[in-house]
All heavy atoms as atom14 arrays in JSON, in Angstrom:
{
  "sequence": "NIMHDNDSGVWIVLSDHNLIKNNIIYNSGEAPIRLK",
  "atom14_mask": [
    [1, 1, 1, 1, 1, 1, 1, 1, 0, 0, 0, 0, 0, 0],
    [1, 1, 1, 1, 1, 1, 1, 1, 0, 0, 0, 0, 0, 0],
    [1, 1, 1, 1, 1, 1, 1, 1, 0, 0, 0, 0, 0, 0],
    [1, 1, 1, 1, 1, 1, 1, 1, 1, 1, 0, 0, 0, 0],
    [1, 1, 1, 1, 1, 1, 1, 1, 0, 0, 0, 0, 0, 0],
    [1, 1, 1, 1, 1, 1, 1, 1, 0, 0, 0, 0, 0, 0],
    [1, 1, 1, 1, 1, 1, 1, 1, 0, 0, 0, 0, 0, 0],
    [1, 1, 1, 1, 1, 1, 0, 0, 0, 0, 0, 0, 0, 0],
    [1, 1, 1, 1, 0, 0, 0, 0, 0, 0, 0, 0, 0, 0],
    [1, 1, 1, 1, 1, 1, 1, 0, 0, 0, 0, 0, 0, 0],
    [1, 1, 1, 1, 1, 1, 1, 1, 1, 1, 1, 1, 1, 1],
    [1, 1, 1, 1, 1, 1, 1, 1, 0, 0, 0, 0, 0, 0],
    [1, 1, 1, 1, 1, 1, 1, 0, 0, 0, 0, 0, 0, 0],
    [1, 1, 1, 1, 1, 1, 1, 1, 0, 0, 0, 0, 0, 0],
    [1, 1, 1, 1, 1, 1, 0, 0, 0, 0, 0, 0, 0, 0],
    [1, 1, 1, 1, 1, 1, 1, 1, 0, 0, 0, 0, 0, 0],
    [1, 1, 1, 1, 1, 1, 1, 1, 1, 1, 0, 0, 0, 0],
    [1, 1, 1, 1, 1, 1, 1, 1, 0, 0, 0, 0, 0, 0],
    [1, 1, 1, 1, 1, 1, 1, 1, 0, 0, 0, 0, 0, 0],
    [1, 1, 1, 1, 1, 1, 1, 1, 0, 0, 0, 0, 0, 0],
    [1, 1, 1, 1, 1, 1, 1, 1, 1, 0, 0, 0, 0, 0],
    [1, 1, 1, 1, 1, 1, 1, 1, 0, 0, 0, 0, 0, 0],
    [1, 1, 1, 1, 1, 1, 1, 1, 0, 0, 0, 0, 0, 0],
    [1, 1, 1, 1, 1, 1, 1, 1, 0, 0, 0, 0, 0, 0],
    [1, 1, 1, 1, 1, 1, 1, 1, 0, 0, 0, 0, 0, 0],
    [1, 1, 1, 1, 1, 1, 1, 1, 1, 1, 1, 1, 0, 0],
    [1, 1, 1, 1, 1, 1, 1, 1, 0, 0, 0, 0, 0, 0],
    [1, 1, 1, 1, 1, 1, 0, 0, 0, 0, 0, 0, 0, 0],
    [1, 1, 1, 1, 0, 0, 0, 0, 0, 0, 0, 0, 0, 0],
    [1, 1, 1, 1, 1, 1, 1, 1, 1, 0, 0, 0, 0, 0],
    [1, 1, 1, 1, 1, 0, 0, 0, 0, 0, 0, 0, 0, 0],
    [1, 1, 1, 1, 1, 1, 1, 0, 0, 0, 0, 0, 0, 0],
    [1, 1, 1, 1, 1, 1, 1, 1, 0, 0, 0, 0, 0, 0],
    [1, 1, 1, 1, 1, 1, 1, 1, 1, 1, 1, 0, 0, 0],
    [1, 1, 1, 1, 1, 1, 1, 1, 0, 0, 0, 0, 0, 0],
    [1, 1, 1, 1, 1, 1, 1, 1, 1, 0, 0, 0, 0, 0]
  ],
  "atom14_positions": [
    [[2.26, -2.61, 2.27], [2.09, -3.66, 3.27], [2.95, -4.87, 2.91], [3.27, -5.09, 1.75], [0.62, -4.09, 3.36], [-0.3, -2.95, 3.72], [-0.3, -2.48, 4.85], [-1.09, -2.49, 2.75], [0.0, 0.0, 0.0], [0.0, 0.0, 0.0], [0.0, 0.0, 0.0], [0.0, 0.0, 0.0], [0.0, 0.0, 0.0], [0.0, 0.0, 0.0]],
    [[3.28, -5.67, 3.91], [3.93, -6.97, 3.69], [2.9, -8.03, 4.05], [2.41, -8.07, 5.19], [5.19, -7.12, 4.55], [6.22, -6.05, 4.19], [5.79, -8.51, 4.39], [7.43, -6.01, 5.1], [0.0, 0.0, 0.0], [0.0, 0.0, 0.0], [0.0, 0.0, 0.0], [0.0, 0.0, 0.0], [0.0, 0.0, 0.0], [0.0, 0.0, 0.0]],
    [[2.55, -8.87, 3.09], [1.52, -9.89, 3.3], [2.1, -11.26, 3.0], [2.61, -11.5, 1.9], [0.32, -9.61, 2.39], [-0.17, -8.17, 2.4], [-1.62, -7.97, 1.34], [-1.56, -6.21, 1.03], [0.0, 0.0, 0.0], [0.0, 0.0, 0.0], [0.0, 0.0, 0.0], [0.0, 0.0, 0.0], [0.0, 0.0, 0.0], [0.0, 0.0, 0.0]],
    [[2.02, -12.14, 3.97], [2.6, -13.46, 3.77], [1.81, -14.51, 4.55], [1.14, -14.22, 5.54], [4.07, -13.49, 4.2], [4.29, -13.22, 5.66], [4.32, -14.23, 6.61], [4.48, -12.07, 6.34], [4.53, -13.71, 7.8], [4.62, -12.39, 7.67], [0.0, 0.0, 0.0], [0.0, 0.0, 0.0], [0.0, 0.0, 0.0], [0.0, 0.0, 0.0]],
    [[1.88, -15.74, 4.05], [1.22, -16.87, 4.71], [-0.26, -16.63, 4.91], [-0.84, -16.87, 5.98], [1.93, -17.21, 6.03], [3.37, -17.65, 5.81], [3.56, -18.78, 5.32], [4.28, -16.84, 6.07], [0.0, 0.0, 0.0], [0.0, 0.0, 0.0], [0.0, 0.0, 0.0], [0.0, 0.0, 0.0], [0.0, 0.0, 0.0], [0.0, 0.0, 0.0]],
    [[-0.9, -16.13, 3.84], [-2.35, -16.03, 3.73], [-2.79, -16.86, 2.52], [-1.97, -17.26, 1.7], [-2.77, -14.57, 3.51], [-2.27, -13.63, 4.57], [-2.76, -13.62, 5.69], [-1.28, -12.8, 4.22], [0.0, 0.0, 0.0], [0.0, 0.0, 0.0], [0.0, 0.0, 0.0], [0.0, 0.0, 0.0], [0.0, 0.0, 0.0], [0.0, 0.0, 0.0]],
    [[-4.09, -17.1, 2.4], [-4.55, -17.72, 1.15], [-4.15, -16.84, -0.03], [-3.58, -17.31, -1.0], [-6.07, -17.9, 1.18], [-6.5, -19.07, 2.06], [-5.62, -19.87, 2.46], [-7.71, -19.19, 2.34], [0.0, 0.0, 0.0], [0.0, 0.0, 0.0], [0.0, 0.0, 0.0], [0.0, 0.0, 0.0], [0.0, 0.0, 0.0], [0.0, 0.0, 0.0]],
    [[-4.48, -15.55, 0.07], [-4.04, -14.54, -0.89], [-3.62, -13.3, -0.11], [-4.15, -13.05, 0.99], [-5.16, -14.17, -1.87], [-5.49, -15.26, -2.71], [0.0, 0.0, 0.0], [0.0, 0.0, 0.0], [0.0, 0.0, 0.0], [0.0, 0.0, 0.0], [0.0, 0.0, 0.0], [0.0, 0.0, 0.0], [0.0, 0.0, 0.0], [0.0, 0.0, 0.0]],
    [[-2.7, -12.54, -0.67], [-2.39, -11.27, -0.02], [-3.62, -10.37, -0.02], [-4.02, -9.84, 1.01], [0.0, 0.0, 0.0], [0.0, 0.0, 0.0], [0.0, 0.0, 0.0], [0.0, 0.0, 0.0], [0.0, 0.0, 0.0], [0.0, 0.0, 0.0], [0.0, 0.0, 0.0], [0.0, 0.0, 0.0], [0.0, 0.0, 0.0], [0.0, 0.0, 0.0]],
    [[-4.19, -10.2, -1.22], [-5.43, -9.43, -1.39], [-6.42, -10.3, -2.14], [-6.12, -10.82, -3.21], [-5.18, -8.12, -2.17], [-6.48, -7.35, -2.36], [-4.13, -7.26, -1.47], [0.0, 0.0, 0.0], [0.0, 0.0, 0.0], [0.0, 0.0, 0.0], [0.0, 0.0, 0.0], [0.0, 0.0, 0.0], [0.0, 0.0, 0.0], [0.0, 0.0, 0.0]],
    [[-7.59, -10.47, -1.57], [-8.66, -11.27, -2.21], [-9.95, -10.46, -2.15], [-10.51, -10.25, -1.07], [-8.83, -12.6, -1.48], [-9.73, -13.58, -2.18], [-9.38, -14.45, -3.18], [-11.12, -13.81, -1.93], [-10.47, -15.19, -3.57], [-11.56, -14.81, -2.81], [-12.05, -13.24, -1.04], [-12.88, -15.27, -2.84], [-13.36, -13.7, -1.07], [-13.76, -14.71, -1.96]],
    [[-10.38, -9.95, -3.31], [-11.56, -9.09, -3.33], [-12.56, -9.56, -4.38], [-12.19, -10.04, -5.46], [-11.19, -7.61, -3.55], [-10.48, -7.38, -4.87], [-10.33, -7.11, -2.4], [-10.16, -5.91, -5.14], [0.0, 0.0, 0.0], [0.0, 0.0, 0.0], [0.0, 0.0, 0.0], [0.0, 0.0, 0.0], [0.0, 0.0, 0.0], [0.0, 0.0, 0.0]],
    [[-13.83, -9.42, -4.04], [-14.94, -9.86, -4.88], [-15.91, -8.7, -5.07], [-16.22, -7.97, -4.1], [-15.68, -11.05, -4.22], [-16.84, -11.51, -5.1], [-14.72, -12.2, -3.96], [0.0, 0.0, 0.0], [0.0, 0.0, 0.0], [0.0, 0.0, 0.0], [0.0, 0.0, 0.0], [0.0, 0.0, 0.0], [0.0, 0.0, 0.0], [0.0, 0.0, 0.0]],
    [[-16.38, -8.52, -6.3], [-17.33, -7.44, -6.6], [-16.86, -6.12, -6.0], [-17.61, -5.42, -5.31], [-18.73, -7.81, -6.09], [-19.42, -8.96, -6.84], [-20.71, -9.37, -6.13], [-19.73, -8.56, -8.28], [0.0, 0.0, 0.0], [0.0, 0.0, 0.0], [0.0, 0.0, 0.0], [0.0, 0.0, 0.0], [0.0, 0.0, 0.0], [0.0, 0.0, 0.0]],
    [[-15.62, -5.8, -6.3], [-14.99, -4.6, -5.74], [-14.35, -3.81, -6.88], [-13.73, -4.39, -7.77], [-13.93, -4.98, -4.71], [-14.51, -5.71, -3.65], [0.0, 0.0, 0.0], [0.0, 0.0, 0.0], [0.0, 0.0, 0.0], [0.0, 0.0, 0.0], [0.0, 0.0, 0.0], [0.0, 0.0, 0.0], [0.0, 0.0, 0.0], [0.0, 0.0, 0.0]],
    [[-14.49, -2.49, -6.87], [-14.02, -1.7, -8.0], [-13.4, -0.38, -7.56], [-13.61, 0.09, -6.44], [-15.17, -1.43, -8.98], [-16.35, -0.73, -8.32], [-16.35, 0.51, -8.26], [-17.28, -1.42, -7.87], [0.0, 0.0, 0.0], [0.0, 0.0, 0.0], [0.0, 0.0, 0.0], [0.0, 0.0, 0.0], [0.0, 0.0, 0.0], [0.0, 0.0, 0.0]],
    [[-12.6, 0.17, -8.46], [-11.97, 1.47, -8.27], [-11.08, 1.52, -7.02], [-11.06, 2.52, -6.3], [-13.01, 2.59, -8.25], [-13.73, 2.75, -9.55], [-14.92, 2.1, -9.83], [-13.41, 3.44, -10.67], [-15.32, 2.4, -11.04], [-14.41, 3.21, -11.59], [0.0, 0.0, 0.0], [0.0, 0.0, 0.0], [0.0, 0.0, 0.0], [0.0, 0.0, 0.0]],
    [[-10.37, 0.43, -6.79], [-9.41, 0.38, -5.69], [-7.99, 0.47, -6.25], [-7.73, 0.14, -7.41], [-9.56, -0.92, -4.9], [-10.94, -1.06, -4.31], [-11.33, -0.31, -3.43], [-11.71, -2.03, -4.81], [0.0, 0.0, 0.0], [0.0, 0.0, 0.0], [0.0, 0.0, 0.0], [0.0, 0.0, 0.0], [0.0, 0.0, 0.0], [0.0, 0.0, 0.0]],
    [[-7.06, 0.91, -5.42], [-5.65, 1.01, -5.79], [-4.84, 0.08, -4.9], [-4.87, 0.19, -3.67], [-5.17, 2.45, -5.61], [-3.68, 2.73, -5.84], [-3.25, 2.33, -7.24], [-3.37, 4.21, -5.56], [0.0, 0.0, 0.0], [0.0, 0.0, 0.0], [0.0, 0.0, 0.0], [0.0, 0.0, 0.0], [0.0, 0.0, 0.0], [0.0, 0.0, 0.0]],
    [[-4.15, -0.87, -5.53], [-3.33, -1.85, -4.81], [-1.9, -1.67, -5.29], [-1.57, -2.03, -6.42], [-3.83, -3.29, -5.07], [-5.32, -3.41, -4.72], [-3.01, -4.31, -4.29], [-5.96, -4.71, -5.2], [0.0, 0.0, 0.0], [0.0, 0.0, 0.0], [0.0, 0.0, 0.0], [0.0, 0.0, 0.0], [0.0, 0.0, 0.0], [0.0, 0.0, 0.0]],
    [[-1.01, -1.14, -4.45], [0.31, -0.79, -4.94], [1.38, -0.97, -3.85], [1.11, -0.9, -2.65], [0.34, 0.66, -5.42], [0.12, 1.68, -4.32], [0.34, 3.12, -4.8], [0.23, 4.12, -3.66], [0.57, 5.48, -4.08], [0.0, 0.0, 0.0], [0.0, 0.0, 0.0], [0.0, 0.0, 0.0], [0.0, 0.0, 0.0], [0.0, 0.0, 0.0]],
    [[2.59, -1.24, -4.31], [3.79, -1.24, -3.44], [3.7, -2.2, -2.27], [4.23, -1.93, -1.19], [4.08, 0.18, -2.93], [4.34, 1.17, -4.05], [4.75, 0.8, -5.14], [4.07, 2.44, -3.79], [0.0, 0.0, 0.0], [0.0, 0.0, 0.0], [0.0, 0.0, 0.0], [0.0, 0.0, 0.0], [0.0, 0.0, 0.0], [0.0, 0.0, 0.0]],
    [[3.01, -3.31, -2.47], [2.93, -4.34, -1.43], [3.91, -5.46, -1.72], [4.18, -5.78, -2.88], [1.51, -4.9, -1.35], [0.48, -3.84, -1.01], [0.41, -3.36, 0.1], [-0.32, -3.48, -2.01], [0.0, 0.0, 0.0], [0.0, 0.0, 0.0], [0.0, 0.0, 0.0], [0.0, 0.0, 0.0], [0.0, 0.0, 0.0], [0.0, 0.0, 0.0]],
    [[4.45, -6.08, -0.68], [5.28, -7.28, -0.82], [4.43, -8.47, -0.39], [3.91, -8.49, 0.73], [6.55, -7.17, 0.04], [7.41, -5.98, -0.43], [7.35, -8.47, 0.01], [8.58, -5.67, 0.48], [0.0, 0.0, 0.0], [0.0, 0.0, 0.0], [0.0, 0.0, 0.0], [0.0, 0.0, 0.0], [0.0, 0.0, 0.0], [0.0, 0.0, 0.0]],
    [[4.28, -9.44, -1.29], [3.39, -10.56, -1.02], [4.13, -11.87, -1.31], [4.69, -12.03, -2.41], [2.11, -10.49, -1.89], [1.42, -9.13, -1.68], [1.16, -11.63, -1.56], [0.26, -8.89, -2.63], [0.0, 0.0, 0.0], [0.0, 0.0, 0.0], [0.0, 0.0, 0.0], [0.0, 0.0, 0.0], [0.0, 0.0, 0.0], [0.0, 0.0, 0.0]],
    [[4.14, -12.78, -0.34], [4.81, -14.06, -0.57], [4.17, -15.15, 0.28], [3.41, -14.88, 1.21], [6.32, -13.95, -0.3], [6.7, -13.58, 1.13], [6.99, -14.56, 2.07], [6.81, -12.25, 1.52], [7.37, -14.24, 3.37], [7.17, -11.91, 2.82], [7.46, -12.91, 3.74], [7.82, -12.58, 5.02], [0.0, 0.0, 0.0], [0.0, 0.0, 0.0]],
    [[4.51, -16.39, -0.06], [3.98, -17.58, 0.64], [2.45, -17.6, 0.67], [1.84, -17.93, 1.69], [4.52, -17.67, 2.07], [5.96, -18.14, 2.12], [6.55, -18.49, 1.1], [6.54, -18.14, 3.31], [0.0, 0.0, 0.0], [0.0, 0.0, 0.0], [0.0, 0.0, 0.0], [0.0, 0.0, 0.0], [0.0, 0.0, 0.0], [0.0, 0.0, 0.0]],
    [[1.85, -17.24, -0.46], [0.39, -17.3, -0.56], [-0.05, -18.7, -0.96], [0.57, -19.33, -1.83], [-0.11, -16.28, -1.6], [0.25, -14.97, -1.22], [0.0, 0.0, 0.0], [0.0, 0.0, 0.0], [0.0, 0.0, 0.0], [0.0, 0.0, 0.0], [0.0, 0.0, 0.0], [0.0, 0.0, 0.0], [0.0, 0.0, 0.0], [0.0, 0.0, 0.0]],
    [[-1.12, -19.17, -0.34], [-1.63, -20.5, -0.7], [-2.32, -20.5, -2.04], [-2.4, -21.54, -2.7], [0.0, 0.0, 0.0], [0.0, 0.0, 0.0], [0.0, 0.0, 0.0], [0.0, 0.0, 0.0], [0.0, 0.0, 0.0], [0.0, 0.0, 0.0], [0.0, 0.0, 0.0], [0.0, 0.0, 0.0], [0.0, 0.0, 0.0], [0.0, 0.0, 0.0]],
    [[-2.83, -19.35, -2.46], [-3.48, -19.2, -3.76], [-2.76, -18.1, -4.52], [-1.56, -17.91, -4.33], [-4.97, -18.9, -3.55], [-5.69, -19.98, -2.73], [-7.11, -19.6, -2.39], [-7.62, -18.6, -2.94], [-7.73, -20.29, -1.56], [0.0, 0.0, 0.0], [0.0, 0.0, 0.0], [0.0, 0.0, 0.0], [0.0, 0.0, 0.0], [0.0, 0.0, 0.0]],
    [[-3.48, -17.35, -5.36], [-2.85, -16.24, -6.07], [-2.48, -15.13, -5.09], [-3.22, -14.86, -4.14], [-3.82, -15.7, -7.12], [0.0, 0.0, 0.0], [0.0, 0.0, 0.0], [0.0, 0.0, 0.0], [0.0, 0.0, 0.0], [0.0, 0.0, 0.0], [0.0, 0.0, 0.0], [0.0, 0.0, 0.0], [0.0, 0.0, 0.0], [0.0, 0.0, 0.0]],
    [[-1.35, -14.48, -5.28], [-0.97, -13.4, -4.38], [-2.02, -12.28, -4.31], [-2.32, -11.76, -3.24], [0.35, -12.88, -4.97], [0.91, -14.05, -5.71], [-0.28, -14.77, -6.27], [0.0, 0.0, 0.0], [0.0, 0.0, 0.0], [0.0, 0.0, 0.0], [0.0, 0.0, 0.0], [0.0, 0.0, 0.0], [0.0, 0.0, 0.0], [0.0, 0.0, 0.0]],
    [[-2.55, -11.92, -5.49], [-3.63, -10.94, -5.56], [-4.74, -11.56, -6.41], [-4.51, -11.95, -7.56], [-3.18, -9.61, -6.17], [-2.08, -8.98, -5.31], [-4.36, -8.65, -6.34], [-1.47, -7.72, -5.91], [0.0, 0.0, 0.0], [0.0, 0.0, 0.0], [0.0, 0.0, 0.0], [0.0, 0.0, 0.0], [0.0, 0.0, 0.0], [0.0, 0.0, 0.0]],
    [[-5.92, -11.64, -5.85], [-7.02, -12.3, -6.54], [-8.21, -11.36, -6.62], [-8.74, -10.91, -5.6], [-7.41, -13.59, -5.81], [-8.47, -14.39, -6.53], [-8.71, -15.71, -5.84], [-9.71, -16.5, -6.53], [-10.14, -17.69, -6.13], [-9.63, -18.23, -5.03], [-11.06, -18.34, -6.81], [0.0, 0.0, 0.0], [0.0, 0.0, 0.0], [0.0, 0.0, 0.0]],
    [[-8.64, -11.05, -7.84], [-9.77, -10.16, -8.09], [-10.86, -10.95, -8.8], [-10.64, -11.47, -9.9], [-9.36, -8.96, -8.95], [-8.08, -8.22, -8.54], [-7.78, -7.11, -9.54], [-8.21, -7.64, -7.15], [0.0, 0.0, 0.0], [0.0, 0.0, 0.0], [0.0, 0.0, 0.0], [0.0, 0.0, 0.0], [0.0, 0.0, 0.0], [0.0, 0.0, 0.0]],
    [[-12.04, -11.03, -8.22], [-13.14, -11.79, -8.8], [-14.3, -10.83, -9.1], [-14.79, -10.15, -8.2], [-13.6, -12.89, -7.83], [-14.77, -13.71, -8.34], [-15.19, -14.75, -7.3], [-16.39, -15.54, -7.78], [-16.87, -16.51, -6.75], [0.0, 0.0, 0.0], [0.0, 0.0, 0.0], [0.0, 0.0, 0.0], [0.0, 0.0, 0.0], [0.0, 0.0, 0.0]]
  ]
}
């Protein structure tokens, strides 16, 4: 995916066993990928 002009490209909380790969992320207001 191409993710831009979001707070984060991917923002997930209490989430596990996911695969996040081959994405283009830019112009994020926070971290491009944020895992909490």
